[in-house]
């Protein structure tokens, strides 16, 4: 069986084991869909990626993204983590200004921002959810109508039902019925603002997933950045009850919230708090001279495992 270069990267953190882990097979050549899916199931991480030579002339590399339950056309933390791993392994971009990733959603530009990488968020399609579906999701989350400020179906490759709640405390106190969410077939992302501009305290016992940490729940790094929003992502339909830090969701939430005046053009989102993580996602909307806008989604990555895998 061939030996392939492999890294496991922690994304949206500068401290190992406080972000969202990603498995990266740096040479996916010759692997069929079934082999990729089988390996992604084995890693049991929210995403596993396979780096391939690009087929688009302007791309630097191609990546395929798998969850334990299937392939994704695009995802944020695999985009940043795969780029980090590719650069660390000696990848040389064609442009000195940016890196171009090819994936199923198309070409994604990535730029360096000091220690961070940031990707250009794909275009967003959004629409209002049906009142019936919204009521069912609210019931599964244990929410009352007054807790929901706004709701949208968000599609930038992955599809999320986005909910803006009445504050970060409401977000942190949710204890979802994941079986009910799985039956509804919807991935749900929730966000709420922090009233005081302080780094949120880890509340690892606040929900069922985090109780598994018990007294072993890690403390947040002392230099954790402050956050403006608290975000959580529930994805039971694809086999992930709660994702630690989710780039695609944060991208679509920011595009929606900024467009509707619910968020400033630059903010930091915290995610993973209830799971004992301290993920930080930087969201920035830039407006060009012609009036067009582009959202950039940034975060740091650290390599935790570096070696080879038989695959």
C-alpha atoms as a PDB file:
ATOM      1  CA  UNK A   1       0.000   0.000   0.000  1.00  0.00           C
ATOM      2  CA  UNK A   2       1.460   3.431  -0.934  1.00  0.00           C
ATOM      3  CA  UNK A   3       2.773   5.756   1.744  1.00  0.00           C
ATOM      4  CA  UNK A   4       1.523   9.335   1.402  1.00  0.00           C
ATOM      5  CA  UNK A   5       2.566  12.545   3.202  1.00  0.00           C
ATOM      6  CA  UNK A   6       0.036  13.503   5.867  1.00  0.00           C
ATOM      7  CA  UNK A   7      -0.596  16.306   8.343  1.00  0.00           C
ATOM      8  CA  UNK A   8      -3.180  16.913  11.015  1.00  0.00           C
ATOM      9  CA  UNK A   9      -3.756  20.624  11.445  1.00  0.00           C
ATOM     10  CA  UNK A  10      -5.657  22.629  14.055  1.00  0.00           C
ATOM     11  CA  UNK A  11      -7.495  25.504  12.350  1.00  0.00           C
ATOM     12  CA  UNK A  12      -8.795  28.862  13.610  1.00  0.00           C
ATOM     13  CA  UNK A  13      -6.379  28.878  16.535  1.00  0.00           C
ATOM     14  CA  UNK A  14      -2.766  29.733  17.288  1.00  0.00           C
ATOM     15  CA  UNK A  15      -2.724  27.238  20.171  1.00  0.00           C
ATOM     16  CA  UNK A  16      -2.652  23.494  19.366  1.00  0.00           C
ATOM     17  CA  UNK A  17      -5.804  21.597  20.369  1.00  0.00           C
ATOM     18  CA  UNK A  18      -8.032  24.671  20.787  1.00  0.00           C
ATOM     19  CA  UNK A  19      -9.362  24.929  17.222  1.00  0.00           C
ATOM     20  CA  UNK A  20     -10.918  22.515  14.719  1.00  0.00           C
ATOM     21  CA  UNK A  21      -8.730  19.581  13.646  1.00  0.00           C
ATOM     22  CA  UNK A  22      -8.338  18.686   9.989  1.00  0.00           C
ATOM     23  CA  UNK A  23      -6.691  15.638   8.411  1.00  0.00           C
ATOM     24  CA  UNK A  24      -4.800  16.480   5.205  1.00  0.00           C
ATOM     25  CA  UNK A  25      -3.532  13.830   2.801  1.00  0.00           C
ATOM     26  CA  UNK A  26      -1.035  15.840   0.770  1.00  0.00           C
ATOM     27  CA  UNK A  27      -1.025  13.455  -2.196  1.00  0.00           C
ATOM     28  CA  UNK A  28      -4.449  12.061  -3.056  1.00  0.00           C
ATOM     29  CA  UNK A  29      -3.432  10.927  -6.554  1.00  0.00           C
ATOM     30  CA  UNK A  30      -4.908   7.598  -7.612  1.00  0.00           C
ATOM     31  CA  UNK A  31      -7.431   7.371  -4.798  1.00  0.00           C
ATOM     32  CA  UNK A  32     -11.034   6.740  -5.813  1.00  0.00           C
ATOM     33  CA  UNK A  33     -14.094   8.195  -4.072  1.00  0.00           C
ATOM     34  CA  UNK A  34     -14.649   5.089  -1.953  1.00  0.00           C
ATOM     35  CA  UNK A  35     -11.080   5.108  -0.630  1.00  0.00           C
ATOM     36  CA  UNK A  36     -11.296   8.792   0.258  1.00  0.00           C
ATOM     37  CA  UNK A  37     -14.624   8.303   2.002  1.00  0.00           C
ATOM     38  CA  UNK A  38     -13.376   5.271   3.913  1.00  0.00           C
ATOM     39  CA  UNK A  39     -10.341   7.175   5.193  1.00  0.00           C
ATOM     40  CA  UNK A  40     -12.505  10.143   6.201  1.00  0.00           C
ATOM     41  CA  UNK A  41     -14.732   7.799   8.185  1.00  0.00           C
ATOM     42  CA  UNK A  42     -11.653   6.309   9.840  1.00  0.00           C
ATOM     43  CA  UNK A  43     -10.183   9.652  10.912  1.00  0.00           C
ATOM     44  CA  UNK A  44     -13.621  10.474  12.380  1.00  0.00           C
ATOM     45  CA  UNK A  45     -12.870  14.195  12.141  1.00  0.00           C
ATOM     46  CA  UNK A  46     -15.424  16.692  10.914  1.00  0.00           C
ATOM     47  CA  UNK A  47     -13.434  16.965   7.654  1.00  0.00           C
ATOM     48  CA  UNK A  48     -10.582  15.199   5.885  1.00  0.00           C
ATOM     49  CA  UNK A  49      -9.042  16.625   2.714  1.00  0.00           C
ATOM     50  CA  UNK A  50      -7.094  15.197  -0.195  1.00  0.00           C
ATOM     51  CA  UNK A  51      -4.730  17.452  -2.148  1.00  0.00           C
ATOM     52  CA  UNK A  52      -4.496  16.815  -5.893  1.00  0.00           C
ATOM     53  CA  UNK A  53      -2.892  18.501  -8.906  1.00  0.00           C
ATOM     54  CA  UNK A  54      -5.170  21.238 -10.260  1.00  0.00           C
ATOM     55  CA  UNK A  55      -7.077  20.889 -13.509  1.00  0.00           C
ATOM     56  CA  UNK A  56      -7.865  24.624 -13.723  1.00  0.00           C
ATOM     57  CA  UNK A  57      -4.917  26.527 -15.259  1.00  0.00           C
ATOM     58  CA  UNK A  58      -4.973  29.334 -12.676  1.00  0.00           C
ATOM     59  CA  UNK A  59      -5.234  27.069  -9.609  1.00  0.00           C
ATOM     60  CA  UNK A  60      -2.259  26.173  -7.421  1.00  0.00           C
ATOM     61  CA  UNK A  61      -3.736  22.906  -6.173  1.00  0.00           C
ATOM     62  CA  UNK A  62      -7.020  21.046  -6.021  1.00  0.00           C
ATOM     63  CA  UNK A  63      -8.653  19.779  -2.853  1.00  0.00           C
ATOM     64  CA  UNK A  64     -11.479  17.347  -2.190  1.00  0.00           C
ATOM     65  CA  UNK A  65     -13.256  17.637   1.142  1.00  0.00           C
ATOM     66  CA  UNK A  66     -14.943  14.734   2.941  1.00  0.00           C
ATOM     67  CA  UNK A  67     -16.913  14.487   6.169  1.00  0.00           C
ATOM     68  CA  UNK A  68     -17.519  11.060   7.738  1.00  0.00           C
ATOM     69  CA  UNK A  69     -20.853  11.081   5.890  1.00  0.00           C
ATOM     70  CA  UNK A  70     -19.999  12.414   2.420  1.00  0.00           C
ATOM     71  CA  UNK A  71     -18.198  14.921   0.226  1.00  0.00           C
ATOM     72  CA  UNK A  72     -18.585  18.705   0.496  1.00  0.00           C
ATOM     73  CA  UNK A  73     -18.270  21.161  -2.401  1.00  0.00           C
ATOM     74  CA  UNK A  74     -16.647  23.724  -0.099  1.00  0.00           C
ATOM     75  CA  UNK A  75     -15.829  24.254   3.566  1.00  0.00           C
ATOM     76  CA  UNK A  76     -13.918  26.966   5.368  1.00  0.00           C
ATOM     77  CA  UNK A  77     -11.682  25.285   7.913  1.00  0.00           C
ATOM     78  CA  UNK A  78     -10.563  22.646   5.352  1.00  0.00           C
ATOM     79  CA  UNK A  79      -9.715  25.484   2.954  1.00  0.00           C
ATOM     80  CA  UNK A  80      -7.439  27.289   5.417  1.00  0.00           C
ATOM     81  CA  UNK A  81      -6.022  24.087   6.927  1.00  0.00           C
ATOM     82  CA  UNK A  82      -5.253  22.498   3.545  1.00  0.00           C
ATOM     83  CA  UNK A  83      -3.576  25.697   2.345  1.00  0.00           C
ATOM     84  CA  UNK A  84      -1.505  25.873   5.545  1.00  0.00           C
ATOM     85  CA  UNK A  85      -0.410  22.248   5.086  1.00  0.00           C
ATOM     86  CA  UNK A  86       0.332  22.707   1.356  1.00  0.00           C
ATOM     87  CA  UNK A  87       2.484  25.787   1.988  1.00  0.00           C
ATOM     88  CA  UNK A  88       4.277  24.129   4.902  1.00  0.00           C
ATOM     89  CA  UNK A  89       5.040  21.131   2.694  1.00  0.00           C
ATOM     90  CA  UNK A  90       6.779  23.396   0.180  1.00  0.00           C
ATOM     91  CA  UNK A  91       3.908  24.424  -2.096  1.00  0.00           C
ATOM     92  CA  UNK A  92       4.764  27.435  -4.272  1.00  0.00           C
ATOM     93  CA  UNK A  93       1.834  29.595  -5.426  1.00  0.00           C
ATOM     94  CA  UNK A  94       1.862  30.973  -8.956  1.00  0.00           C
ATOM     95  CA  UNK A  95       1.109  34.483  -7.683  1.00  0.00           C
ATOM     96  CA  UNK A  96       2.996  36.347  -4.975  1.00  0.00           C
ATOM     97  CA  UNK A  97      -0.254  38.024  -3.888  1.00  0.00           C
ATOM     98  CA  UNK A  98      -2.509  35.032  -3.260  1.00  0.00           C
ATOM     99  CA  UNK A  99      -3.015  31.268  -3.457  1.00  0.00           C
ATOM    100  CA  UNK A 100      -5.788  29.776  -5.608  1.00  0.00           C
ATOM    101  CA  UNK A 101      -7.536  26.625  -4.412  1.00  0.00           C
ATOM    102  CA  UNK A 102      -9.663  24.544  -6.760  1.00  0.00           C
ATOM    103  CA  UNK A 103     -12.584  22.664  -5.207  1.00  0.00           C
ATOM    104  CA  UNK A 104     -16.052  21.592  -6.284  1.00  0.00           C
ATOM    105  CA  UNK A 105     -17.565  25.037  -5.670  1.00  0.00           C
ATOM    106  CA  UNK A 106     -14.965  26.543  -8.037  1.00  0.00           C
ATOM    107  CA  UNK A 107     -11.792  28.580  -7.493  1.00  0.00           C
ATOM    108  CA  UNK A 108     -11.212  30.107  -4.050  1.00  0.00           C
ATOM    109  CA  UNK A 109      -8.633  32.849  -3.480  1.00  0.00           C
ATOM    110  CA  UNK A 110      -6.601  32.720  -0.271  1.00  0.00           C
ATOM    111  CA  UNK A 111      -4.296  35.483   0.958  1.00  0.00           C
ATOM    112  CA  UNK A 112      -1.731  35.812   3.719  1.00  0.00           C
ATOM    113  CA  UNK A 113      -2.529  38.235   6.550  1.00  0.00           C
ATOM    114  CA  UNK A 114       0.564  38.057   8.736  1.00  0.00           C
ATOM    115  CA  UNK A 115       0.349  34.732  10.569  1.00  0.00           C
ATOM    116  CA  UNK A 116      -3.198  34.218   9.342  1.00  0.00           C
ATOM    117  CA  UNK A 117      -4.570  32.946   6.073  1.00  0.00           C
ATOM    118  CA  UNK A 118      -7.889  34.294   4.814  1.00  0.00           C
ATOM    119  CA  UNK A 119     -10.125  32.986   2.043  1.00  0.00           C
ATOM    120  CA  UNK A 120     -12.454  34.951  -0.184  1.00  0.00           C
ATOM    121  CA  UNK A 121     -15.937  33.773   0.701  1.00  0.00           C
ATOM    122  CA  UNK A 122     -17.883  32.307  -2.234  1.00  0.00           C
ATOM    123  CA  UNK A 123     -21.073  34.083  -3.342  1.00  0.00           C
ATOM    124  CA  UNK A 124     -24.011  33.567  -1.014  1.00  0.00           C
ATOM    125  CA  UNK A 125     -27.540  32.576  -1.941  1.00  0.00           C
ATOM    126  CA  UNK A 126     -30.082  33.139   0.807  1.00  0.00           C
ATOM    127  CA  UNK A 127     -33.817  32.957   1.340  1.00  0.00           C
ATOM    128  CA  UNK A 128     -36.381  33.035   4.119  1.00  0.00           C
ATOM    129  CA  UNK A 129     -37.127  29.663   5.754  1.00  0.00           C
ATOM    130  CA  UNK A 130     -40.701  28.475   5.981  1.00  0.00           C
ATOM    131  CA  UNK A 131     -42.431  29.278   9.291  1.00  0.00           C
ATOM    132  CA  UNK A 132     -43.150  25.564   9.795  1.00  0.00           C
ATOM    133  CA  UNK A 133     -39.482  24.581   9.439  1.00  0.00           C
ATOM    134  CA  UNK A 134     -38.367  27.472  11.625  1.00  0.00           C
ATOM    135  CA  UNK A 135     -40.791  26.398  14.366  1.00  0.00           C
ATOM    136  CA  UNK A 136     -39.549  22.795  14.173  1.00  0.00           C
ATOM    137  CA  UNK A 137     -35.911  23.861  14.432  1.00  0.00           C
ATOM    138  CA  UNK A 138     -36.680  26.229  17.314  1.00  0.00           C
ATOM    139  CA  UNK A 139     -38.355  23.359  19.176  1.00  0.00           C
ATOM    140  CA  UNK A 140     -35.359  21.082  18.565  1.00  0.00           C
ATOM    141  CA  UNK A 141     -33.060  23.783  19.962  1.00  0.00           C
ATOM    142  CA  UNK A 142     -35.328  24.571  22.911  1.00  0.00           C
ATOM    143  CA  UNK A 143     -35.830  28.141  21.726  1.00  0.00           C
ATOM    144  CA  UNK A 144     -38.845  30.369  22.175  1.00  0.00           C
ATOM    145  CA  UNK A 145     -39.902  32.763  19.434  1.00  0.00           C
ATOM    146  CA  UNK A 146     -38.650  35.812  21.335  1.00  0.00           C
ATOM    147  CA  UNK A 147     -35.102  34.421  21.308  1.00  0.00           C
ATOM    148  CA  UNK A 148     -34.884  34.514  17.480  1.00  0.00           C
ATOM    149  CA  UNK A 149     -34.035  37.952  16.059  1.00  0.00           C
ATOM    150  CA  UNK A 150     -33.734  36.848  12.407  1.00  0.00           C
ATOM    151  CA  UNK A 151     -33.457  33.673  10.317  1.00  0.00           C
ATOM    152  CA  UNK A 152     -32.228  32.821   6.809  1.00  0.00           C
ATOM    153  CA  UNK A 153     -31.420  29.780   4.707  1.00  0.00           C
ATOM    154  CA  UNK A 154     -27.783  30.278   3.707  1.00  0.00           C
ATOM    155  CA  UNK A 155     -26.076  28.558   0.776  1.00  0.00           C
ATOM    156  CA  UNK A 156     -22.433  29.098  -0.213  1.00  0.00           C
ATOM    157  CA  UNK A 157     -21.879  25.455  -1.169  1.00  0.00           C
ATOM    158  CA  UNK A 158     -22.933  23.939   2.154  1.00  0.00           C
ATOM    159  CA  UNK A 159     -26.491  24.873   3.156  1.00  0.00           C
ATOM    160  CA  UNK A 160     -27.191  26.116   6.683  1.00  0.00           C
ATOM    161  CA  UNK A 161     -30.233  27.465   8.440  1.00  0.00           C
ATOM    162  CA  UNK A 162     -28.785  30.560  10.095  1.00  0.00           C
ATOM    163  CA  UNK A 163     -30.333  31.974  13.253  1.00  0.00           C
ATOM    164  CA  UNK A 164     -29.451  35.283  14.882  1.00  0.00           C
ATOM    165  CA  UNK A 165     -30.373  34.972  18.555  1.00  0.00           C
ATOM    166  CA  UNK A 166     -30.869  37.644  21.182  1.00  0.00           C
ATOM    167  CA  UNK A 167     -27.398  37.338  22.661  1.00  0.00           C
ATOM    168  CA  UNK A 168     -24.331  35.201  23.243  1.00  0.00           C
ATOM    169  CA  UNK A 169     -25.725  33.841  26.512  1.00  0.00           C
ATOM    170  CA  UNK A 170     -28.679  32.294  24.671  1.00  0.00           C
ATOM    171  CA  UNK A 171     -26.281  30.721  22.151  1.00  0.00           C
ATOM    172  CA  UNK A 172     -24.094  29.240  24.888  1.00  0.00           C
ATOM    173  CA  UNK A 173     -27.013  27.812  26.860  1.00  0.00           C
ATOM    174  CA  UNK A 174     -28.506  25.769  24.004  1.00  0.00           C
ATOM    175  CA  UNK A 175     -28.854  22.018  24.543  1.00  0.00           C
ATOM    176  CA  UNK A 176     -30.136  20.785  21.163  1.00  0.00           C
ATOM    177  CA  UNK A 177     -32.087  17.629  20.456  1.00  0.00           C
ATOM    178  CA  UNK A 178     -29.653  16.330  17.838  1.00  0.00           C
ATOM    179  CA  UNK A 179     -31.875  13.411  16.836  1.00  0.00           C
ATOM    180  CA  UNK A 180     -34.684  15.852  16.026  1.00  0.00           C
ATOM    181  CA  UNK A 181     -32.291  18.004  13.977  1.00  0.00           C
ATOM    182  CA  UNK A 182     -31.083  14.915  12.116  1.00  0.00           C
ATOM    183  CA  UNK A 183     -34.658  13.964  11.258  1.00  0.00           C
ATOM    184  CA  UNK A 184     -35.281  17.483   9.956  1.00  0.00           C
ATOM    185  CA  UNK A 185     -32.252  17.089   7.682  1.00  0.00           C
ATOM    186  CA  UNK A 186     -30.981  20.611   8.346  1.00  0.00           C
ATOM    187  CA  UNK A 187     -27.616  21.890   9.486  1.00  0.00           C
ATOM    188  CA  UNK A 188     -28.208  24.808  11.850  1.00  0.00           C
ATOM    189  CA  UNK A 189     -25.854  27.666  12.687  1.00  0.00           C
ATOM    190  CA  UNK A 190     -26.626  30.102  15.499  1.00  0.00           C
ATOM    191  CA  UNK A 191     -25.018  33.425  16.402  1.00  0.00           C
ATOM    192  CA  UNK A 192     -25.454  36.034  19.114  1.00  0.00           C
ATOM    193  CA  UNK A 193     -23.593  39.178  20.096  1.00  0.00           C
ATOM    194  CA  UNK A 194     -21.437  39.597  23.177  1.00  0.00           C
ATOM    195  CA  UNK A 195     -22.584  42.616  25.133  1.00  0.00           C
ATOM    196  CA  UNK A 196     -19.263  43.107  26.938  1.00  0.00           C
ATOM    197  CA  UNK A 197     -16.164  43.017  24.750  1.00  0.00           C
ATOM    198  CA  UNK A 198     -14.412  40.314  26.692  1.00  0.00           C
ATOM    199  CA  UNK A 199     -13.236  36.890  25.624  1.00  0.00           C
ATOM    200  CA  UNK A 200     -16.067  34.454  26.447  1.00  0.00           C
ATOM    201  CA  UNK A 201     -15.380  32.081  29.312  1.00  0.00           C
ATOM    202  CA  UNK A 202     -15.262  28.399  28.444  1.00  0.00           C
ATOM    203  CA  UNK A 203     -18.363  26.685  29.826  1.00  0.00           C
ATOM    204  CA  UNK A 204     -17.446  23.128  28.977  1.00  0.00           C
ATOM    205  CA  UNK A 205     -20.272  21.658  31.033  1.00  0.00           C
ATOM    206  CA  UNK A 206     -22.991  23.726  29.402  1.00  0.00           C
ATOM    207  CA  UNK A 207     -24.176  21.033  27.009  1.00  0.00           C
ATOM    208  CA  UNK A 208     -24.246  17.289  26.614  1.00  0.00           C
ATOM    209  CA  UNK A 209     -21.223  17.056  24.292  1.00  0.00           C
ATOM    210  CA  UNK A 210     -18.986  19.042  26.595  1.00  0.00           C
ATOM    211  CA  UNK A 211     -19.891  17.022  29.692  1.00  0.00           C
ATOM    212  CA  UNK A 212     -17.649  14.295  28.316  1.00  0.00           C
ATOM    213  CA  UNK A 213     -14.690  16.523  29.171  1.00  0.00           C
ATOM    214  CA  UNK A 214     -15.635  16.537  32.875  1.00  0.00           C
ATOM    215  CA  UNK A 215     -12.884  17.910  35.092  1.00  0.00           C
ATOM    216  CA  UNK A 216     -10.438  17.480  32.196  1.00  0.00           C
ATOM    217  CA  UNK A 217     -11.901  20.400  30.225  1.00  0.00           C
ATOM    218  CA  UNK A 218      -8.977  22.549  29.066  1.00  0.00           C
ATOM    219  CA  UNK A 219      -8.635  26.171  30.064  1.00  0.00           C
ATOM    220  CA  UNK A 220      -8.614  28.804  27.354  1.00  0.00           C
ATOM    221  CA  UNK A 221      -5.213  30.198  26.361  1.00  0.00           C
ATOM    222  CA  UNK A 222      -4.418  33.335  28.311  1.00  0.00           C
ATOM    223  CA  UNK A 223      -3.990  35.416  25.153  1.00  0.00           C
ATOM    224  CA  UNK A 224      -7.253  34.386  23.493  1.00  0.00           C
ATOM    225  CA  UNK A 225      -8.602  37.253  21.405  1.00  0.00           C
ATOM    226  CA  UNK A 226     -11.817  38.970  22.377  1.00  0.00           C
ATOM    227  CA  UNK A 227     -14.893  38.225  20.297  1.00  0.00           C
ATOM    228  CA  UNK A 228     -17.890  40.206  19.093  1.00  0.00           C
ATOM    229  CA  UNK A 229     -20.148  37.234  18.275  1.00  0.00           C
ATOM    230  CA  UNK A 230     -20.570  33.724  19.654  1.00  0.00           C
ATOM    231  CA  UNK A 231     -21.322  31.050  17.045  1.00  0.00           C
ATOM    232  CA  UNK A 232     -22.319  27.384  17.238  1.00  0.00           C
ATOM    233  CA  UNK A 233     -22.837  24.880  14.420  1.00  0.00           C
ATOM    234  CA  UNK A 234     -25.069  21.813  14.688  1.00  0.00           C
ATOM    235  CA  UNK A 235     -24.700  19.355  11.809  1.00  0.00           C
ATOM    236  CA  UNK A 236     -26.311  16.062  12.867  1.00  0.00           C
ATOM    237  CA  UNK A 237     -27.517  15.293   9.286  1.00  0.00           C
ATOM    238  CA  UNK A 238     -23.875  14.802   8.201  1.00  0.00           C
ATOM    239  CA  UNK A 239     -22.823  12.941  11.343  1.00  0.00           C
ATOM    240  CA  UNK A 240     -21.457  15.868  13.379  1.00  0.00           C
ATOM    241  CA  UNK A 241     -23.485  16.893  16.396  1.00  0.00           C
ATOM    242  CA  UNK A 242     -21.520  20.097  16.966  1.00  0.00           C
ATOM    243  CA  UNK A 243     -18.630  21.371  14.852  1.00  0.00           C
ATOM    244  CA  UNK A 244     -15.885  23.115  16.845  1.00  0.00           C
ATOM    245  CA  UNK A 245     -15.186  25.948  14.358  1.00  0.00           C
ATOM    246  CA  UNK A 246     -16.849  26.343  10.952  1.00  0.00           C
ATOM    247  CA  UNK A 247     -15.451  28.638   8.265  1.00  0.00           C
ATOM    248  CA  UNK A 248     -18.219  28.208   5.678  1.00  0.00           C
ATOM    249  CA  UNK A 249     -20.934  28.918   8.239  1.00  0.00           C
ATOM    250  CA  UNK A 250     -19.125  31.978   9.590  1.00  0.00           C
ATOM    251  CA  UNK A 251     -18.710  33.208   6.009  1.00  0.00           C
ATOM    252  CA  UNK A 252     -22.402  32.924   5.175  1.00  0.00           C
ATOM    253  CA  UNK A 253     -23.487  34.318   8.544  1.00  0.00           C
ATOM    254  CA  UNK A 254     -21.238  37.357   8.071  1.00  0.00           C
ATOM    255  CA  UNK A 255     -22.424  38.003   4.512  1.00  0.00           C
ATOM    256  CA  UNK A 256     -26.039  37.916   5.706  1.00  0.00           C
ATOM    257  CA  UNK A 257     -25.598  39.807   8.988  1.00  0.00           C
ATOM    258  CA  UNK A 258     -23.471  42.554   7.441  1.00  0.00           C
ATOM    259  CA  UNK A 259     -25.887  42.983   4.526  1.00  0.00           C
ATOM    260  CA  UNK A 260     -28.837  43.357   6.909  1.00  0.00           C
ATOM    261  CA  UNK A 261     -27.051  45.720   9.291  1.00  0.00           C
ATOM    262  CA  UNK A 262     -26.849  43.215  12.153  1.00  0.00           C
ATOM    263  CA  UNK A 263     -23.026  43.192  12.161  1.00  0.00           C
ATOM    264  CA  UNK A 264     -20.218  45.672  11.416  1.00  0.00           C
ATOM    265  CA  UNK A 265     -17.970  45.259   8.383  1.00  0.00           C
ATOM    266  CA  UNK A 266     -15.210  43.816  10.556  1.00  0.00           C
ATOM    267  CA  UNK A 267     -15.665  41.549  13.555  1.00  0.00           C
ATOM    268  CA  UNK A 268     -14.329  38.445  15.329  1.00  0.00           C
ATOM    269  CA  UNK A 269     -16.468  35.392  16.009  1.00  0.00           C
ATOM    270  CA  UNK A 270     -15.803  32.890  18.795  1.00  0.00           C
ATOM    271  CA  UNK A 271     -16.784  29.269  18.263  1.00  0.00           C
ATOM    272  CA  UNK A 272     -16.225  26.008  20.126  1.00  0.00           C
ATOM    273  CA  UNK A 273     -16.616  27.489  23.590  1.00  0.00           C
ATOM    274  CA  UNK A 274     -19.029  24.811  24.791  1.00  0.00           C
ATOM    275  CA  UNK A 275     -16.692  22.083  23.528  1.00  0.00           C
ATOM    276  CA  UNK A 276     -13.677  23.360  25.441  1.00  0.00           C
ATOM    277  CA  UNK A 277     -12.207  25.043  22.348  1.00  0.00           C
ATOM    278  CA  UNK A 278     -11.260  28.666  21.709  1.00  0.00           C
ATOM    279  CA  UNK A 279     -11.700  29.108  17.961  1.00  0.00           C
ATOM    280  CA  UNK A 280     -11.472  32.632  16.561  1.00  0.00           C
ATOM    281  CA  UNK A 281     -12.646  33.610  13.082  1.00  0.00           C
ATOM    282  CA  UNK A 282     -11.866  37.035  11.610  1.00  0.00           C
ATOM    283  CA  UNK A 283     -14.521  38.418   9.232  1.00  0.00           C
ATOM    284  CA  UNK A 284     -13.829  41.462   7.053  1.00  0.00           C
ATOM    285  CA  UNK A 285     -15.926  42.938   4.239  1.00  0.00           C
ATOM    286  CA  UNK A 286     -13.992  45.053   1.734  1.00  0.00           C
ATOM    287  CA  UNK A 287     -15.599  47.360  -0.826  1.00  0.00           C
ATOM    288  CA  UNK A 288     -13.829  48.052  -4.111  1.00  0.00           C
ATOM    289  CA  UNK A 289     -13.935  51.241  -6.190  1.00  0.00           C
ATOM    290  CA  UNK A 290     -16.788  49.902  -8.339  1.00  0.00           C
ATOM    291  CA  UNK A 291     -18.934  49.259  -5.263  1.00  0.00           C
ATOM    292  CA  UNK A 292     -18.598  45.480  -5.269  1.00  0.00           C
ATOM    293  CA  UNK A 293     -17.853  43.769  -1.969  1.00  0.00           C
ATOM    294  CA  UNK A 294     -15.785  40.783  -0.931  1.00  0.00           C
ATOM    295  CA  UNK A 295     -15.854  39.037   2.436  1.00  0.00           C
ATOM    296  CA  UNK A 296     -12.579  37.607   3.728  1.00  0.00           C
ATOM    297  CA  UNK A 297     -12.625  34.868   6.357  1.00  0.00           C
ATOM    298  CA  UNK A 298      -9.385  34.495   8.278  1.00  0.00           C
ATOM    299  CA  UNK A 299      -7.756  32.491  11.005  1.00  0.00           C
ATOM    300  CA  UNK A 300      -4.486  30.944  12.136  1.00  0.00           C
ATOM    301  CA  UNK A 301      -3.550  27.273  11.821  1.00  0.00           C
ATOM    302  CA  UNK A 302      -1.011  25.070  13.612  1.00  0.00           C
ATOM    303  CA  UNK A 303       0.299  21.633  12.632  1.00  0.00           C
ATOM    304  CA  UNK A 304      -0.126  19.019  15.358  1.00  0.00           C
ATOM    305  CA  UNK A 305       0.832  15.809  13.501  1.00  0.00           C
ATOM    306  CA  UNK A 306       3.331  15.585  10.636  1.00  0.00           C
ATOM    307  CA  UNK A 307       4.249  12.305   8.979  1.00  0.00           C
ATOM    308  CA  UNK A 308       3.006   9.688   6.526  1.00  0.00           C
ATOM    309  CA  UNK A 309      -0.057   7.517   6.152  1.00  0.00           C
ATOM    310  CA  UNK A 310      -0.468   4.200   4.356  1.00  0.00           C
ATOM    311  CA  UNK A 311      -3.342   4.717   1.952  1.00  0.00           C
END
